[in-house]
Structure formats: structure tokens, C-alpha cells
PDB file of N, CA and C in Angstrom:
ATOM      1  N   MET A   1    -127.011-207.381 163.631  1.00  0.00           N
ATOM      2  CA  MET A   1    -126.480-207.743 162.332  1.00  0.00           C
ATOM      3  C   MET A   1    -126.833-209.207 162.073  1.00  0.00           C
ATOM      4  N   SER A   2    -127.418-209.457 160.929  1.00  0.00           N
ATOM      5  CA  SER A   2    -127.758-210.834 160.561  1.00  0.00           C
ATOM      6  C   SER A   2    -126.494-211.574 160.122  1.00  0.00           C
ATOM      7  N   LEU A   3    -126.571-212.884 160.076  1.00  0.00           N
ATOM      8  CA  LEU A   3    -125.439-213.693 159.635  1.00  0.00           C
ATOM      9  C   LEU A   3    -125.051-213.327 158.208  1.00  0.00           C
ATOM     10  N   GLU A   4    -126.046-213.131 157.357  1.00  0.00           N
ATOM     11  CA  GLU A   4    -125.774-212.773 155.963  1.00  0.00           C
ATOM     12  C   GLU A   4    -125.015-211.449 155.874  1.00  0.00           C
ATOM     13  N   GLU A   5    -125.442-210.464 156.648  1.00  0.00           N
ATOM     14  CA  GLU A   5    -124.762-209.162 156.660  1.00  0.00           C
ATOM     15  C   GLU A   5    -123.333-209.301 157.190  1.00  0.00           C
ATOM     16  N   GLU A   6    -123.182-210.115 158.210  1.00  0.00           N
ATOM     17  CA  GLU A   6    -121.849-210.332 158.780  1.00  0.00           C
ATOM     18  C   GLU A   6    -120.915-210.965 157.756  1.00  0.00           C
ATOM     19  N   LEU A   7    -121.389-211.978 157.050  1.00  0.00           N
ATOM     20  CA  LEU A   7    -120.554-212.654 156.058  1.00  0.00           C
ATOM     21  C   LEU A   7    -120.189-211.729 154.903  1.00  0.00           C
ATOM     22  N   LYS A   8    -121.126-210.882 154.494  1.00  0.00           N
ATOM     23  CA  LYS A   8    -120.821-209.897 153.446  1.00  0.00           C
ATOM     24  C   LYS A   8    -119.763-208.912 153.929  1.00  0.00           C
ATOM     25  N   ALA A   9    -119.887-208.470 155.160  1.00  0.00           N
ATOM     26  CA  ALA A   9    -118.918-207.524 155.722  1.00  0.00           C
ATOM     27  C   ALA A   9    -117.535-208.165 155.829  1.00  0.00           C
ATOM     28  N   VAL A  10    -117.487-209.426 156.217  1.00  0.00           N
ATOM     29  CA  VAL A  10    -116.209-210.126 156.331  1.00  0.00           C
ATOM     30  C   VAL A  10    -115.596-210.328 154.941  1.00  0.00           C
ATOM     31  N   ALA A  11    -116.401-210.585 153.935  1.00  0.00           N
ATOM     32  CA  ALA A  11    -115.891-210.698 152.565  1.00  0.00           C
ATOM     33  C   ALA A  11    -115.277-209.375 152.111  1.00  0.00           C
ATOM     34  N   LYS A  12    -115.883-208.272 152.511  1.00  0.00           N
ATOM     35  CA  LYS A  12    -115.327-206.955 152.176  1.00  0.00           C
ATOM     36  C   LYS A  12    -114.005-206.720 152.899  1.00  0.00           C
ATOM     37  N   VAL A  13    -113.869-207.294 154.079  1.00  0.00           N
ATOM     38  CA  VAL A  13    -112.603-207.204 154.811  1.00  0.00           C
ATOM     39  C   VAL A  13    -111.491-207.833 153.974  1.00  0.00           C
ATOM     40  N   VAL A  14    -111.760-208.998 153.404  1.00  0.00           N
ATOM     41  CA  VAL A  14    -110.766-209.670 152.556  1.00  0.00           C
ATOM     42  C   VAL A  14    -110.375-208.749 151.408  1.00  0.00           C
ATOM     43  N   ASP A  15    -111.352-208.137 150.762  1.00  0.00           N
ATOM     44  CA  ASP A  15    -111.068-207.242 149.641  1.00  0.00           C
ATOM     45  C   ASP A  15    -110.202-206.060 150.067  1.00  0.00           C
ATOM     46  N   ARG A  16    -110.552-205.441 151.197  1.00  0.00           N
ATOM     47  CA  ARG A  16    -109.776-204.286 151.673  1.00  0.00           C
ATOM     48  C   ARG A  16    -108.340-204.680 152.013  1.00  0.00           C
ATOM     49  N   LEU A  17    -108.192-205.820 152.672  1.00  0.00           N
ATOM     50  CA  LEU A  17    -106.850-206.255 153.047  1.00  0.00           C
ATOM     51  C   LEU A  17    -106.030-206.668 151.824  1.00  0.00           C
ATOM     52  N   ALA A  18    -106.678-207.220 150.816  1.00  0.00           N
ATOM     53  CA  ALA A  18    -105.975-207.576 149.580  1.00  0.00           C
ATOM     54  C   ALA A  18    -105.448-206.323 148.884  1.00  0.00           C
ATOM     55  N   GLU A  19    -106.192-205.231 148.962  1.00  0.00           N
ATOM     56  CA  GLU A  19    -105.722-203.965 148.396  1.00  0.00           C
ATOM     57  C   GLU A  19    -104.576-203.394 149.227  1.00  0.00           C
ATOM     58  N   ARG A  20    -104.677-203.527 150.519  1.00  0.00           N
ATOM     59  CA  ARG A  20    -103.658-202.971 151.420  1.00  0.00           C
ATOM     60  C   ARG A  20    -102.355-203.773 151.388  1.00  0.00           C
ATOM     61  N   PHE A  21    -102.464-205.075 151.166  1.00  0.00           N
ATOM     62  CA  PHE A  21    -101.298-205.965 151.151  1.00  0.00           C
ATOM     63  C   PHE A  21    -101.226-206.708 149.812  1.00  0.00           C
ATOM     64  N   PRO A  22    -100.969-205.999 148.717  1.00  0.00           N
ATOM     65  CA  PRO A  22    -100.984-206.645 147.394  1.00  0.00           C
ATOM     66  C   PRO A  22     -99.885-207.692 147.207  1.00  0.00           C
ATOM     67  N   HIS A  23     -98.835-207.637 148.012  1.00  0.00           N
ATOM     68  CA  HIS A  23     -97.721-208.572 147.909  1.00  0.00           C
ATOM     69  C   HIS A  23     -97.988-209.895 148.637  1.00  0.00           C
ATOM     70  N   ILE A  24     -99.078-209.955 149.390  1.00  0.00           N
ATOM     71  CA  ILE A  24     -99.430-211.187 150.106  1.00  0.00           C
ATOM     72  C   ILE A  24    -100.503-211.914 149.300  1.00  0.00           C
ATOM     73  N   PRO A  25    -100.313-213.210 149.046  1.00  0.00           N
ATOM     74  CA  PRO A  25    -101.313-213.954 148.268  1.00  0.00           C
ATOM     75  C   PRO A  25    -102.709-213.867 148.904  1.00  0.00           C
ATOM     76  N   ARG A  26    -103.710-213.735 148.048  1.00  0.00           N
ATOM     77  CA  ARG A  26    -105.083-213.613 148.534  1.00  0.00           C
ATOM     78  C   ARG A  26    -105.472-214.796 149.424  1.00  0.00           C
ATOM     79  N   ALA A  27    -104.985-215.977 149.096  1.00  0.00           N
ATOM     80  CA  ALA A  27    -105.300-217.160 149.909  1.00  0.00           C
ATOM     81  C   ALA A  27    -104.795-216.989 151.344  1.00  0.00           C
ATOM     82  N   SER A  28    -103.653-216.364 151.511  1.00  0.00           N
ATOM     83  CA  SER A  28    -103.120-216.108 152.856  1.00  0.00           C
ATOM     84  C   SER A  28    -103.983-215.096 153.593  1.00  0.00           C
ATOM     85  N   ILE A  29    -104.462-214.111 152.872  1.00  0.00           N
ATOM     86  CA  ILE A  29    -105.345-213.101 153.459  1.00  0.00           C
ATOM     87  C   ILE A  29    -106.660-213.748 153.878  1.00  0.00           C
ATOM     88  N   GLU A  30    -107.224-214.555 152.991  1.00  0.00           N
ATOM     89  CA  GLU A  30    -108.476-215.247 153.308  1.00  0.00           C
ATOM     90  C   GLU A  30    -108.304-216.135 154.540  1.00  0.00           C
ATOM     91  N   ARG A  31    -107.156-216.791 154.654  1.00  0.00           N
ATOM     92  CA  ARG A  31    -106.903-217.675 155.798  1.00  0.00           C
ATOM     93  C   ARG A  31    -106.827-216.876 157.096  1.00  0.00           C
ATOM     94  N   ALA A  32    -106.132-215.745 157.053  1.00  0.00           N
ATOM     95  CA  ALA A  32    -106.016-214.898 158.247  1.00  0.00           C
ATOM     96  C   ALA A  32    -107.389-214.403 158.682  1.00  0.00           C
ATOM     97  N   VAL A  33    -108.207-213.999 157.715  1.00  0.00           N
ATOM     98  CA  VAL A  33    -109.557-213.516 158.023  1.00  0.00           C
ATOM     99  C   VAL A  33    -110.409-214.657 158.579  1.00  0.00           C
ATOM    100  N   LEU A  34    -110.334-215.817 157.961  1.00  0.00           N
ATOM    101  CA  LEU A  34    -111.096-216.973 158.442  1.00  0.00           C
ATOM    102  C   LEU A  34    -110.687-217.348 159.867  1.00  0.00           C
ATOM    103  N   ASP A  35    -109.391-217.350 160.130  1.00  0.00           N
ATOM    104  CA  ASP A  35    -108.919-217.682 161.478  1.00  0.00           C
ATOM    105  C   ASP A  35    -109.456-216.696 162.509  1.00  0.00           C
ATOM    106  N   GLU A  36    -109.408-215.415 162.185  1.00  0.00           N
ATOM    107  CA  GLU A  36    -109.910-214.395 163.109  1.00  0.00           C
ATOM    108  C   GLU A  36    -111.424-214.519 163.292  1.00  0.00           C
ATOM    109  N   HIS A  37    -112.136-214.771 162.204  1.00  0.00           N
ATOM    110  CA  HIS A  37    -113.590-214.903 162.269  1.00  0.00           C
ATOM    111  C   HIS A  37    -113.973-216.120 163.110  1.00  0.00           C
ATOM    112  N   THR A  38    -113.271-217.214 162.910  1.00  0.00           N
ATOM    113  CA  THR A  38    -113.534-218.435 163.671  1.00  0.00           C
ATOM    114  C   THR A  38    -113.279-218.219 165.162  1.00  0.00           C
ATOM    115  N   ALA A  39    -112.248-217.455 165.479  1.00  0.00           N
ATOM    116  CA  ALA A  39    -111.921-217.192 166.885  1.00  0.00           C
ATOM    117  C   ALA A  39    -113.036-216.432 167.596  1.00  0.00           C
ATOM    118  N   LEU A  40    -113.858-215.719 166.843  1.00  0.00           N
ATOM    119  CA  LEU A  40    -114.941-214.930 167.430  1.00  0.00           C
ATOM    120  C   LEU A  40    -116.299-215.624 167.335  1.00  0.00           C
ATOM    121  N   ASP A  41    -116.306-216.901 166.976  1.00  0.00           N
ATOM    122  CA  ASP A  41    -117.562-217.641 166.800  1.00  0.00           C
ATOM    123  C   ASP A  41    -118.483-217.580 168.011  1.00  0.00           C
ATOM    124  N   GLY A  42    -117.939-217.630 169.202  1.00  0.00           N
ATOM    125  CA  GLY A  42    -118.779-217.673 170.392  1.00  0.00           C
ATOM    126  C   GLY A  42    -119.214-216.315 170.911  1.00  0.00           C
ATOM    127  N   SER A  43    -118.834-215.264 170.232  1.00  0.00           N
ATOM    128  CA  SER A  43    -119.173-213.916 170.706  1.00  0.00           C
ATOM    129  C   SER A  43    -120.672-213.673 170.609  1.00  0.00           C
ATOM    130  N   PRO A  44    -121.307-213.303 171.714  1.00  0.00           N
ATOM    131  CA  PRO A  44    -122.758-213.111 171.689  1.00  0.00           C
ATOM    132  C   PRO A  44    -123.192-211.848 170.940  1.00  0.00           C
ATOM    133  N   ILE A  45    -122.358-210.827 170.954  1.00  0.00           N
ATOM    134  CA  ILE A  45    -122.694-209.582 170.253  1.00  0.00           C
ATOM    135  C   ILE A  45    -121.918-209.571 168.946  1.00  0.00           C
ATOM    136  N   ARG A  46    -122.629-209.603 167.827  1.00  0.00           N
ATOM    137  CA  ARG A  46    -122.005-209.794 166.524  1.00  0.00           C
ATOM    138  C   ARG A  46    -121.750-208.498 165.754  1.00  0.00           C
ATOM    139  N   ASP A  47    -122.278-207.380 166.221  1.00  0.00           N
ATOM    140  CA  ASP A  47    -122.200-206.135 165.459  1.00  0.00           C
ATOM    141  C   ASP A  47    -120.777-205.708 165.130  1.00  0.00           C
ATOM    142  N   PHE A  48    -119.841-205.963 166.024  1.00  0.00           N
ATOM    143  CA  PHE A  48    -118.476-205.496 165.817  1.00  0.00           C
ATOM    144  C   PHE A  48    -117.535-206.588 165.323  1.00  0.00           C
ATOM    145  N   VAL A  49    -118.048-207.762 165.041  1.00  0.00           N
ATOM    146  CA  VAL A  49    -117.205-208.873 164.603  1.00  0.00           C
ATOM    147  C   VAL A  49    -116.405-208.515 163.351  1.00  0.00           C
ATOM    148  N   PRO A  50    -117.000-207.951 162.296  1.00  0.00           N
ATOM    149  CA  PRO A  50    -116.188-207.626 161.118  1.00  0.00           C
ATOM    150  C   PRO A  50    -115.031-206.666 161.424  1.00  0.00           C
ATOM    151  N   VAL A  51    -115.269-205.694 162.284  1.00  0.00           N
ATOM    152  CA  VAL A  51    -114.211-204.746 162.654  1.00  0.00           C
ATOM    153  C   VAL A  51    -113.093-205.471 163.404  1.00  0.00           C
ATOM    154  N   LEU A  52    -113.473-206.334 164.329  1.00  0.00           N
ATOM    155  CA  LEU A  52    -112.481-207.080 165.099  1.00  0.00           C
ATOM    156  C   LEU A  52    -111.717-208.068 164.219  1.00  0.00           C
ATOM    157  N   VAL A  53    -112.410-208.683 163.277  1.00  0.00           N
ATOM    158  CA  VAL A  53    -111.766-209.597 162.331  1.00  0.00           C
ATOM    159  C   VAL A  53    -110.732-208.834 161.512  1.00  0.00           C
ATOM    160  N   GLU A  54    -111.119-207.668 161.014  1.00  0.00           N
ATOM    161  CA  GLU A  54    -110.189-206.888 160.192  1.00  0.00           C
ATOM    162  C   GLU A  54    -108.960-206.471 161.002  1.00  0.00           C
ATOM    163  N   ARG A  55    -109.181-206.025 162.206  1.00  0.00           N
ATOM    164  CA  ARG A  55    -108.059-205.594 163.057  1.00  0.00           C
ATOM    165  C   ARG A  55    -107.099-206.760 163.320  1.00  0.00           C
ATOM    166  N   GLY A  56    -107.648-207.914 163.673  1.00  0.00           N
ATOM    167  CA  GLY A  56    -106.798-209.069 163.959  1.00  0.00           C
ATOM    168  C   GLY A  56    -106.062-209.573 162.732  1.00  0.00           C
ATOM    169  N   ALA A  57    -106.762-209.662 161.614  1.00  0.00           N
ATOM    170  CA  ALA A  57    -106.138-210.143 160.379  1.00  0.00           C
ATOM    171  C   ALA A  57    -105.074-209.163 159.896  1.00  0.00           C
ATOM    172  N   ARG A  58    -105.341-207.873 160.009  1.00  0.00           N
ATOM    173  CA  ARG A  58    -104.364-206.859 159.598  1.00  0.00           C
ATOM    174  C   ARG A  58    -103.078-207.015 160.426  1.00  0.00           C
ATOM    175  N   GLY A  59    -103.217-207.265 161.705  1.00  0.00           N
ATOM    176  CA  GLY A  59    -102.045-207.489 162.551  1.00  0.00           C
ATOM    177  C   GLY A  59    -101.252-208.711 162.123  1.00  0.00           C
ATOM    178  N   ARG A  60    -101.945-209.780 161.815  1.00  0.00           N
ATOM    179  CA  ARG A  60    -101.267-210.995 161.334  1.00  0.00           C
ATOM    180  C   ARG A  60    -100.533-210.720 160.031  1.00  0.00           C
ATOM    181  N   LEU A  61    -101.194-210.015 159.126  1.00  0.00           N
ATOM    182  CA  LEU A  61    -100.600-209.757 157.815  1.00  0.00           C
ATOM    183  C   LEU A  61     -99.407-208.811 157.925  1.00  0.00           C
ATOM    184  N   ARG A  62     -99.475-207.864 158.833  1.00  0.00           N
ATOM    185  CA  ARG A  62     -98.311-206.993 159.064  1.00  0.00           C
ATOM    186  C   ARG A  62     -97.132-207.831 159.537  1.00  0.00           C
ATOM    187  N   GLY A  63     -97.417-208.817 160.370  1.00  0.00           N
ATOM    188  CA  GLY A  63     -96.364-209.716 160.830  1.00  0.00           C
ATOM    189  C   GLY A  63     -95.743-210.491 159.680  1.00  0.00           C
ATOM    190  N   HIS A  64     -96.579-210.954 158.760  1.00  0.00           N
ATOM    191  CA  HIS A  64     -96.081-211.653 157.570  1.00  0.00           C
ATOM    192  C   HIS A  64     -95.223-210.721 156.734  1.00  0.00           C
ATOM    193  N   ALA A  65     -95.698-209.506 156.540  1.00  0.00           N
ATOM    194  CA  ALA A  65     -94.976-208.543 155.709  1.00  0.00           C
ATOM    195  C   ALA A  65     -93.624-208.203 156.336  1.00  0.00           C
ATOM    196  N   ALA A  66     -93.599-208.037 157.647  1.00  0.00           N
ATOM    197  CA  ALA A  66     -92.363-207.675 158.339  1.00  0.00           C
ATOM    198  C   ALA A  66     -91.338-208.809 158.300  1.00  0.00           C
ATOM    199  N   SER A  67     -91.835-210.047 158.362  1.00  0.00           N
ATOM    200  CA  SER A  67     -90.920-211.189 158.372  1.00  0.00           C
ATOM    201  C   SER A  67     -90.627-211.718 156.972  1.00  0.00           C
ATOM    202  N   GLY A  68     -91.352-211.209 155.980  1.00  0.00           N
ATOM    203  CA  GLY A  68     -91.149-211.662 154.607  1.00  0.00           C
ATOM    204  C   GLY A  68     -91.825-212.975 154.294  1.00  0.00           C
ATOM    205  N   ASP A  69     -92.757-213.411 155.128  1.00  0.00           N
ATOM    206  CA  ASP A  69     -93.484-214.675 154.926  1.00  0.00           C
ATOM    207  C   ASP A  69     -94.736-214.468 154.104  1.00  0.00           C
ATOM    208  N   ALA A  70     -94.617-214.157 152.874  1.00  0.00           N
ATOM    209  CA  ALA A  70     -95.809-213.922 152.053  1.00  0.00           C
ATOM    210  C   ALA A  70     -96.242-215.163 151.349  1.00  0.00           C
TER     211      ALA A  70
END
């Protein structure tokens, strides 16, 4: 996966999570995705990075939703 493809896939992650968590501000969703993406910067195999980013960000956002921190 090229960097361009990875960034497009990560942008789609933001869109999917914004649909799934409409009560959470998009800026918070973007931050969660950015944090997860940054955490995987050193990963040598990039093919699964968007999937891992989505999984991690979704977990963070569920935590926000459960605690009411939107």
C-alpha cells in the first residue's frame, strides 16, 4: 500500500466513524484517528494500518460515548 492509498483509507475511517458516532464532534474523531495512526508510524508492514487505526479509534470513541465525554 502506498502512502497516498494509506492516507485515503485513513480519511475514509474518519468518515465511517463519524457516521457511527454522530454525537461525537468530528474533530474528536479526527484526533482519535490521528493518535492511532501516529502510534503505528514505525510499523514496517503498512497494509493493515487503516484497519488497526479504525479498531483503535473505535475503541477510544466507545469509551467517550460510555463516559459521556463527547
